[in-house]
Amino acid sequence: MSFNLPEGHWLCTSDLIKELKISKATLYRRKEEGYFELGRHFLTTSPPPVDGSPSRANILWNVESCREVFVFWKPVGVTTNG
């Protein structure tokens, strides 16, 4: 299995929130609400734990893809009529 990652700058969480001028809470809230897609907006540095415990993986974020989310405010998979 292979796929292409979005081009552009990838930043860790602390650098992304500075770049976008948002709080960490806002970023993670939008992630939980479905605005960000794994592989398109963010990557994790390890797979999720198999026992259901919280992940301790670092997250890398694609700056351009994340910025688009905050411009259009459309969760992944939602289409608009028009």
C-alpha atoms as a PDB file:
ATOM      1  CA  MET A   1       0.000   0.000   0.000  1.00  0.00           C
ATOM      2  CA  SER A   2       1.296   3.429  -0.852  1.00  0.00           C
ATOM      3  CA  PHE A   3      -0.093   6.918  -1.028  1.00  0.00           C
ATOM      4  CA  ASN A   4       1.194  10.424  -1.607  1.00  0.00           C
ATOM      5  CA  LEU A   5       1.328  12.883   1.246  1.00  0.00           C
ATOM      6  CA  PRO A   6       0.289  16.487   0.711  1.00  0.00           C
ATOM      7  CA  GLU A   7       3.140  18.757  -0.289  1.00  0.00           C
ATOM      8  CA  GLY A   8       4.161  21.610   1.932  1.00  0.00           C
ATOM      9  CA  HIS A   9       5.440  22.276   5.398  1.00  0.00           C
ATOM     10  CA  TRP A  10       4.769  19.816   8.208  1.00  0.00           C
ATOM     11  CA  LEU A  11       5.056  21.150  11.761  1.00  0.00           C
ATOM     12  CA  CYS A  12       4.742  19.729  15.251  1.00  0.00           C
ATOM     13  CA  THR A  13       1.709  20.798  17.302  1.00  0.00           C
ATOM     14  CA  SER A  14       3.473  23.533  19.268  1.00  0.00           C
ATOM     15  CA  ASP A  15       4.816  25.152  16.095  1.00  0.00           C
ATOM     16  CA  LEU A  16       1.505  24.847  14.228  1.00  0.00           C
ATOM     17  CA  ILE A  17      -0.533  26.622  16.897  1.00  0.00           C
ATOM     18  CA  LYS A  18       1.952  29.499  16.804  1.00  0.00           C
ATOM     19  CA  GLU A  19       1.828  29.620  13.004  1.00  0.00           C
ATOM     20  CA  LEU A  20      -1.998  29.602  12.868  1.00  0.00           C
ATOM     21  CA  LYS A  21      -2.375  31.730  16.014  1.00  0.00           C
ATOM     22  CA  ILE A  22      -4.831  29.334  17.647  1.00  0.00           C
ATOM     23  CA  SER A  23      -4.857  27.490  20.948  1.00  0.00           C
ATOM     24  CA  LYS A  24      -3.943  23.839  21.336  1.00  0.00           C
ATOM     25  CA  ALA A  25      -7.445  23.245  22.713  1.00  0.00           C
ATOM     26  CA  THR A  26      -9.027  24.680  19.550  1.00  0.00           C
ATOM     27  CA  LEU A  27      -6.802  22.560  17.318  1.00  0.00           C
ATOM     28  CA  TYR A  28      -7.634  19.326  19.143  1.00  0.00           C
ATOM     29  CA  ARG A  29     -11.333  20.226  19.398  1.00  0.00           C
ATOM     30  CA  ARG A  30     -11.494  20.682  15.615  1.00  0.00           C
ATOM     31  CA  LYS A  31      -9.662  17.376  15.198  1.00  0.00           C
ATOM     32  CA  GLU A  32     -12.249  15.598  17.380  1.00  0.00           C
ATOM     33  CA  GLU A  33     -15.080  17.306  15.449  1.00  0.00           C
ATOM     34  CA  GLY A  34     -13.825  15.764  12.190  1.00  0.00           C
ATOM     35  CA  TYR A  35     -12.227  18.770  10.517  1.00  0.00           C
ATOM     36  CA  PHE A  36      -8.857  17.024  10.070  1.00  0.00           C
ATOM     37  CA  GLU A  37      -8.115  13.779   8.239  1.00  0.00           C
ATOM     38  CA  LEU A  38      -5.207  11.464   9.011  1.00  0.00           C
ATOM     39  CA  GLY A  39      -2.725  11.515   6.107  1.00  0.00           C
ATOM     40  CA  ARG A  40      -4.069  14.751   4.667  1.00  0.00           C
ATOM     41  CA  HIS A  41      -3.991  17.185   7.583  1.00  0.00           C
ATOM     42  CA  PHE A  42      -1.896  15.310  10.134  1.00  0.00           C
ATOM     43  CA  LEU A  43       0.347  12.291  10.691  1.00  0.00           C
ATOM     44  CA  THR A  44       1.212  10.406  13.841  1.00  0.00           C
ATOM     45  CA  THR A  45       4.718   9.161  14.539  1.00  0.00           C
ATOM     46  CA  SER A  46       3.488   5.740  15.702  1.00  0.00           C
ATOM     47  CA  PRO A  47       0.355   3.606  15.390  1.00  0.00           C
ATOM     48  CA  PRO A  48      -2.380   3.855  18.027  1.00  0.00           C
ATOM     49  CA  PRO A  49      -2.017   1.595  21.069  1.00  0.00           C
ATOM     50  CA  VAL A  50      -3.774  -1.757  20.718  1.00  0.00           C
ATOM     51  CA  ASP A  51      -5.028  -1.744  24.314  1.00  0.00           C
ATOM     52  CA  GLY A  52      -7.126   1.409  23.862  1.00  0.00           C
ATOM     53  CA  SER A  53      -4.910   3.569  26.060  1.00  0.00           C
ATOM     54  CA  PRO A  54      -4.231   7.170  24.977  1.00  0.00           C
ATOM     55  CA  SER A  55      -1.629   7.556  22.271  1.00  0.00           C
ATOM     56  CA  ARG A  56       1.685   9.122  23.160  1.00  0.00           C
ATOM     57  CA  ALA A  57       2.644   9.596  19.507  1.00  0.00           C
ATOM     58  CA  ASN A  58       3.780  12.953  18.251  1.00  0.00           C
ATOM     59  CA  ILE A  59       1.562  14.575  15.644  1.00  0.00           C
ATOM     60  CA  LEU A  60       2.864  16.379  12.584  1.00  0.00           C
ATOM     61  CA  TRP A  61       0.487  18.812  10.875  1.00  0.00           C
ATOM     62  CA  ASN A  62       0.399  19.992   7.248  1.00  0.00           C
ATOM     63  CA  VAL A  63       0.274  23.780   7.578  1.00  0.00           C
ATOM     64  CA  GLU A  64      -1.415  24.526   4.251  1.00  0.00           C
ATOM     65  CA  SER A  65      -4.083  21.828   4.633  1.00  0.00           C
ATOM     66  CA  CYS A  66      -4.867  22.942   8.183  1.00  0.00           C
ATOM     67  CA  ARG A  67      -5.031  26.589   7.149  1.00  0.00           C
ATOM     68  CA  GLU A  68      -7.647  25.670   4.513  1.00  0.00           C
ATOM     69  CA  VAL A  69      -9.820  24.117   7.223  1.00  0.00           C
ATOM     70  CA  PHE A  70      -9.857  27.368   9.167  1.00  0.00           C
ATOM     71  CA  VAL A  71     -10.691  29.327   5.991  1.00  0.00           C
ATOM     72  CA  PHE A  72     -13.608  27.173   4.787  1.00  0.00           C
ATOM     73  CA  TRP A  73     -14.829  25.597   8.097  1.00  0.00           C
ATOM     74  CA  LYS A  74     -15.954  22.397   6.441  1.00  0.00           C
ATOM     75  CA  PRO A  75     -15.442  19.016   8.153  1.00  0.00           C
ATOM     76  CA  VAL A  76     -13.900  16.220   6.075  1.00  0.00           C
ATOM     77  CA  GLY A  77     -16.508  14.451   3.937  1.00  0.00           C
ATOM     78  CA  VAL A  78     -19.113  17.235   4.125  1.00  0.00           C
ATOM     79  CA  THR A  79     -20.235  18.599   0.793  1.00  0.00           C
ATOM     80  CA  THR A  80     -22.152  21.764   0.117  1.00  0.00           C
ATOM     81  CA  ASN A  81     -24.909  22.304  -2.420  1.00  0.00           C
ATOM     82  CA  GLY A  82     -24.215  24.830  -5.077  1.00  0.00           C
END
